């Protein structure tokens, strides 16, 4: 029993016992399948007997498929659908650890105001600076000074995937 006979039987188009049918009667699965196959693809490489077709040389070049690159089928989606930019004024090292987690794990940019740490705790300010250096060296984070005045010390930190560009 061939594959098509088994397929016909499993789909219910043919009973277990073969019936004789007259021309023009019933459903022909081979014609149905062949109607979806392009004439050029119709078993050119794999004839029904399973052997290579010797009538056509094997090294005949086939045309490359043509792709239309301007179709609307191609959609580029970002790794993250949106970014939360967090503005924080850290007062303890726990706040700095939160910033590190936001950049390394959540991949969100953070704007830091380090003026409080600079005035109240110079030791914690130095540790915060060390953590920023580690973020830049280990994780490829970017840091950009936004503003430095008497009452503000603003720095933006971003993960590697978010580019910061200083144009001024």
C-alpha atoms as a PDB file:
ATOM      1  CA  UNK A   1       0.000   0.000   0.000  1.00  0.00           C
ATOM      2  CA  UNK A   2       1.471   3.370  -1.018  1.00  0.00           C
ATOM      3  CA  UNK A   3       1.607   6.506   1.057  1.00  0.00           C
ATOM      4  CA  UNK A   4      -1.266   8.144  -0.801  1.00  0.00           C
ATOM      5  CA  UNK A   5      -3.425   5.056  -0.333  1.00  0.00           C
ATOM      6  CA  UNK A   6      -2.708   5.065   3.385  1.00  0.00           C
ATOM      7  CA  UNK A   7      -3.421   8.783   3.546  1.00  0.00           C
ATOM      8  CA  UNK A   8      -6.701   8.369   1.665  1.00  0.00           C
ATOM      9  CA  UNK A   9      -7.701   5.577   3.993  1.00  0.00           C
ATOM     10  CA  UNK A  10      -6.849   7.543   7.150  1.00  0.00           C
ATOM     11  CA  UNK A  11      -8.785  10.590   5.922  1.00  0.00           C
ATOM     12  CA  UNK A  12     -11.812   8.474   5.089  1.00  0.00           C
ATOM     13  CA  UNK A  13     -11.752   8.978   1.331  1.00  0.00           C
ATOM     14  CA  UNK A  14     -11.313   5.293   0.652  1.00  0.00           C
ATOM     15  CA  UNK A  15     -12.697   2.230   2.388  1.00  0.00           C
ATOM     16  CA  UNK A  16     -10.482  -0.578   3.602  1.00  0.00           C
ATOM     17  CA  UNK A  17     -11.384  -2.623   0.518  1.00  0.00           C
ATOM     18  CA  UNK A  18     -10.618  -1.097  -2.854  1.00  0.00           C
ATOM     19  CA  UNK A  19     -13.630  -0.311  -5.010  1.00  0.00           C
ATOM     20  CA  UNK A  20     -13.610   0.030  -8.726  1.00  0.00           C
ATOM     21  CA  UNK A  21     -14.555   3.497  -9.774  1.00  0.00           C
ATOM     22  CA  UNK A  22     -15.423   4.857 -13.118  1.00  0.00           C
ATOM     23  CA  UNK A  23     -13.696   7.803 -14.789  1.00  0.00           C
ATOM     24  CA  UNK A  24     -14.908  11.163 -13.477  1.00  0.00           C
ATOM     25  CA  UNK A  25     -16.332   9.684 -10.277  1.00  0.00           C
ATOM     26  CA  UNK A  26     -15.210  10.437  -6.710  1.00  0.00           C
ATOM     27  CA  UNK A  27     -12.399  12.408  -5.184  1.00  0.00           C
ATOM     28  CA  UNK A  28      -8.847  12.106  -6.511  1.00  0.00           C
ATOM     29  CA  UNK A  29      -6.353  12.963  -3.760  1.00  0.00           C
ATOM     30  CA  UNK A  30      -3.383  13.018  -6.149  1.00  0.00           C
ATOM     31  CA  UNK A  31      -5.031  15.679  -8.293  1.00  0.00           C
ATOM     32  CA  UNK A  32      -5.977  17.621  -5.174  1.00  0.00           C
ATOM     33  CA  UNK A  33      -2.385  17.582  -3.847  1.00  0.00           C
ATOM     34  CA  UNK A  34      -0.872  18.344  -7.250  1.00  0.00           C
ATOM     35  CA  UNK A  35      -3.115  21.396  -7.614  1.00  0.00           C
ATOM     36  CA  UNK A  36      -1.184  23.013  -4.739  1.00  0.00           C
ATOM     37  CA  UNK A  37       2.276  22.101  -6.037  1.00  0.00           C
ATOM     38  CA  UNK A  38       3.909  24.287  -8.665  1.00  0.00           C
ATOM     39  CA  UNK A  39       4.413  22.477 -11.958  1.00  0.00           C
ATOM     40  CA  UNK A  40       8.175  23.096 -11.805  1.00  0.00           C
ATOM     41  CA  UNK A  41       8.363  21.511  -8.343  1.00  0.00           C
ATOM     42  CA  UNK A  42       6.267  18.467  -9.244  1.00  0.00           C
ATOM     43  CA  UNK A  43       8.585  15.691  -8.045  1.00  0.00           C
ATOM     44  CA  UNK A  44      11.548  16.853 -10.128  1.00  0.00           C
ATOM     45  CA  UNK A  45      14.040  15.861  -7.448  1.00  0.00           C
ATOM     46  CA  UNK A  46      12.212  12.932  -5.895  1.00  0.00           C
ATOM     47  CA  UNK A  47      10.351  10.765  -8.364  1.00  0.00           C
ATOM     48  CA  UNK A  48       7.821   8.266  -7.046  1.00  0.00           C
ATOM     49  CA  UNK A  49      10.153   5.287  -7.400  1.00  0.00           C
ATOM     50  CA  UNK A  50      12.589   6.929  -4.933  1.00  0.00           C
ATOM     51  CA  UNK A  51      15.554   7.039  -7.318  1.00  0.00           C
ATOM     52  CA  UNK A  52      17.211  10.136  -8.712  1.00  0.00           C
ATOM     53  CA  UNK A  53      15.880  11.411 -11.992  1.00  0.00           C
ATOM     54  CA  UNK A  54      18.612  10.789 -14.548  1.00  0.00           C
ATOM     55  CA  UNK A  55      16.968  12.808 -17.307  1.00  0.00           C
ATOM     56  CA  UNK A  56      18.130  16.090 -15.709  1.00  0.00           C
ATOM     57  CA  UNK A  57      21.760  16.709 -14.667  1.00  0.00           C
ATOM     58  CA  UNK A  58      22.264  17.169 -10.926  1.00  0.00           C
ATOM     59  CA  UNK A  59      24.387  20.314 -11.269  1.00  0.00           C
ATOM     60  CA  UNK A  60      21.752  22.459 -13.019  1.00  0.00           C
ATOM     61  CA  UNK A  61      21.746  25.831 -11.279  1.00  0.00           C
ATOM     62  CA  UNK A  62      18.428  26.795  -9.738  1.00  0.00           C
ATOM     63  CA  UNK A  63      17.303  30.399  -9.582  1.00  0.00           C
ATOM     64  CA  UNK A  64      17.659  32.108  -6.227  1.00  0.00           C
ATOM     65  CA  UNK A  65      14.402  33.023  -4.508  1.00  0.00           C
ATOM     66  CA  UNK A  66      13.515  36.693  -4.740  1.00  0.00           C
ATOM     67  CA  UNK A  67      12.678  38.374  -1.460  1.00  0.00           C
ATOM     68  CA  UNK A  68      10.881  41.670  -1.262  1.00  0.00           C
ATOM     69  CA  UNK A  69      12.515  43.492   1.623  1.00  0.00           C
ATOM     70  CA  UNK A  70       9.889  46.214   1.667  1.00  0.00           C
ATOM     71  CA  UNK A  71       7.005  44.016   2.763  1.00  0.00           C
ATOM     72  CA  UNK A  72       5.183  44.884   5.949  1.00  0.00           C
ATOM     73  CA  UNK A  73       5.912  41.374   7.201  1.00  0.00           C
ATOM     74  CA  UNK A  74       9.147  42.410   8.913  1.00  0.00           C
ATOM     75  CA  UNK A  75       8.637  43.868  12.363  1.00  0.00           C
ATOM     76  CA  UNK A  76      11.521  44.835  14.583  1.00  0.00           C
ATOM     77  CA  UNK A  77      10.640  44.874  18.237  1.00  0.00           C
ATOM     78  CA  UNK A  78      12.952  46.196  20.909  1.00  0.00           C
ATOM     79  CA  UNK A  79      14.255  43.926  23.619  1.00  0.00           C
ATOM     80  CA  UNK A  80      12.257  45.974  26.093  1.00  0.00           C
ATOM     81  CA  UNK A  81       8.980  47.663  25.131  1.00  0.00           C
ATOM     82  CA  UNK A  82       9.613  50.756  27.256  1.00  0.00           C
ATOM     83  CA  UNK A  83      12.168  52.139  29.619  1.00  0.00           C
ATOM     84  CA  UNK A  84      11.415  53.651  33.006  1.00  0.00           C
ATOM     85  CA  UNK A  85      13.831  56.455  33.716  1.00  0.00           C
ATOM     86  CA  UNK A  86      14.133  56.670  37.462  1.00  0.00           C
ATOM     87  CA  UNK A  87      15.079  59.897  39.214  1.00  0.00           C
ATOM     88  CA  UNK A  88      16.456  59.150  42.673  1.00  0.00           C
ATOM     89  CA  UNK A  89      18.292  61.044  45.387  1.00  0.00           C
ATOM     90  CA  UNK A  90      20.121  58.284  47.270  1.00  0.00           C
ATOM     91  CA  UNK A  91      20.564  58.752  50.997  1.00  0.00           C
ATOM     92  CA  UNK A  92      22.042  55.355  51.917  1.00  0.00           C
ATOM     93  CA  UNK A  93      24.035  52.589  50.290  1.00  0.00           C
ATOM     94  CA  UNK A  94      20.809  50.589  49.952  1.00  0.00           C
ATOM     95  CA  UNK A  95      19.575  53.274  47.559  1.00  0.00           C
ATOM     96  CA  UNK A  96      22.790  52.909  45.556  1.00  0.00           C
ATOM     97  CA  UNK A  97      22.306  49.112  45.468  1.00  0.00           C
ATOM     98  CA  UNK A  98      18.769  49.716  44.163  1.00  0.00           C
ATOM     99  CA  UNK A  99      20.239  51.840  41.358  1.00  0.00           C
ATOM    100  CA  UNK A 100      22.726  49.087  40.508  1.00  0.00           C
ATOM    101  CA  UNK A 101      19.876  46.545  40.324  1.00  0.00           C
ATOM    102  CA  UNK A 102      17.839  48.829  38.077  1.00  0.00           C
ATOM    103  CA  UNK A 103      20.700  49.141  35.623  1.00  0.00           C
ATOM    104  CA  UNK A 104      22.006  45.567  35.652  1.00  0.00           C
ATOM    105  CA  UNK A 105      18.798  43.558  36.041  1.00  0.00           C
ATOM    106  CA  UNK A 106      15.893  45.757  34.934  1.00  0.00           C
ATOM    107  CA  UNK A 107      17.909  47.547  32.224  1.00  0.00           C
ATOM    108  CA  UNK A 108      16.427  50.944  33.084  1.00  0.00           C
ATOM    109  CA  UNK A 109      18.323  54.241  32.945  1.00  0.00           C
ATOM    110  CA  UNK A 110      18.613  56.112  36.253  1.00  0.00           C
ATOM    111  CA  UNK A 111      19.171  59.792  36.991  1.00  0.00           C
ATOM    112  CA  UNK A 112      21.037  60.221  40.271  1.00  0.00           C
ATOM    113  CA  UNK A 113      21.281  63.302  42.409  1.00  0.00           C
ATOM    114  CA  UNK A 114      24.362  62.629  44.515  1.00  0.00           C
ATOM    115  CA  UNK A 115      24.362  66.027  46.277  1.00  0.00           C
ATOM    116  CA  UNK A 116      22.899  64.647  49.528  1.00  0.00           C
ATOM    117  CA  UNK A 117      25.555  61.923  49.810  1.00  0.00           C
ATOM    118  CA  UNK A 118      28.273  64.415  48.905  1.00  0.00           C
ATOM    119  CA  UNK A 119      27.263  66.795  51.726  1.00  0.00           C
ATOM    120  CA  UNK A 120      26.131  64.379  54.452  1.00  0.00           C
ATOM    121  CA  UNK A 121      28.399  61.362  54.064  1.00  0.00           C
ATOM    122  CA  UNK A 122      31.632  61.741  52.086  1.00  0.00           C
ATOM    123  CA  UNK A 123      32.506  58.073  52.751  1.00  0.00           C
ATOM    124  CA  UNK A 124      29.219  56.879  51.191  1.00  0.00           C
ATOM    125  CA  UNK A 125      29.730  59.358  48.338  1.00  0.00           C
ATOM    126  CA  UNK A 126      33.101  57.733  47.624  1.00  0.00           C
ATOM    127  CA  UNK A 127      31.525  54.240  47.747  1.00  0.00           C
ATOM    128  CA  UNK A 128      28.806  55.402  45.343  1.00  0.00           C
ATOM    129  CA  UNK A 129      31.504  56.641  42.970  1.00  0.00           C
ATOM    130  CA  UNK A 130      33.267  53.262  43.201  1.00  0.00           C
ATOM    131  CA  UNK A 131      30.015  51.423  42.393  1.00  0.00           C
ATOM    132  CA  UNK A 132      29.486  53.660  39.347  1.00  0.00           C
ATOM    133  CA  UNK A 133      33.011  52.859  38.169  1.00  0.00           C
ATOM    134  CA  UNK A 134      32.303  49.119  38.607  1.00  0.00           C
ATOM    135  CA  UNK A 135      29.063  49.454  36.633  1.00  0.00           C
ATOM    136  CA  UNK A 136      30.979  51.064  33.784  1.00  0.00           C
ATOM    137  CA  UNK A 137      33.820  48.547  33.762  1.00  0.00           C
ATOM    138  CA  UNK A 138      31.939  45.283  34.453  1.00  0.00           C
ATOM    139  CA  UNK A 139      28.574  45.840  32.793  1.00  0.00           C
ATOM    140  CA  UNK A 140      29.376  48.441  30.142  1.00  0.00           C
ATOM    141  CA  UNK A 141      27.010  50.984  31.697  1.00  0.00           C
ATOM    142  CA  UNK A 142      27.299  54.563  30.539  1.00  0.00           C
ATOM    143  CA  UNK A 143      27.485  57.578  32.836  1.00  0.00           C
ATOM    144  CA  UNK A 144      26.986  61.186  31.827  1.00  0.00           C
ATOM    145  CA  UNK A 145      27.166  64.230  34.078  1.00  0.00           C
ATOM    146  CA  UNK A 146      24.019  66.289  33.541  1.00  0.00           C
ATOM    147  CA  UNK A 147      24.538  69.123  35.993  1.00  0.00           C
ATOM    148  CA  UNK A 148      26.869  70.081  38.824  1.00  0.00           C
ATOM    149  CA  UNK A 149      25.910  73.062  40.918  1.00  0.00           C
ATOM    150  CA  UNK A 150      26.026  73.903  44.630  1.00  0.00           C
ATOM    151  CA  UNK A 151      22.748  72.141  45.351  1.00  0.00           C
ATOM    152  CA  UNK A 152      22.652  69.534  42.526  1.00  0.00           C
ATOM    153  CA  UNK A 153      24.985  66.829  41.286  1.00  0.00           C
ATOM    154  CA  UNK A 154      23.005  65.032  38.556  1.00  0.00           C
ATOM    155  CA  UNK A 155      24.364  61.987  36.743  1.00  0.00           C
ATOM    156  CA  UNK A 156      22.497  59.772  34.304  1.00  0.00           C
ATOM    157  CA  UNK A 157      23.452  56.107  34.257  1.00  0.00           C
ATOM    158  CA  UNK A 158      22.221  53.759  31.560  1.00  0.00           C
ATOM    159  CA  UNK A 159      22.708  50.092  30.701  1.00  0.00           C
ATOM    160  CA  UNK A 160      24.837  49.089  27.742  1.00  0.00           C
ATOM    161  CA  UNK A 161      21.841  48.742  25.387  1.00  0.00           C
ATOM    162  CA  UNK A 162      20.686  52.361  25.900  1.00  0.00           C
ATOM    163  CA  UNK A 163      23.060  54.778  24.197  1.00  0.00           C
ATOM    164  CA  UNK A 164      23.743  58.158  25.750  1.00  0.00           C
ATOM    165  CA  UNK A 165      25.027  60.785  23.358  1.00  0.00           C
ATOM    166  CA  UNK A 166      26.492  64.083  24.547  1.00  0.00           C
ATOM    167  CA  UNK A 167      25.856  66.696  21.852  1.00  0.00           C
ATOM    168  CA  UNK A 168      26.967  69.845  23.494  1.00  0.00           C
END
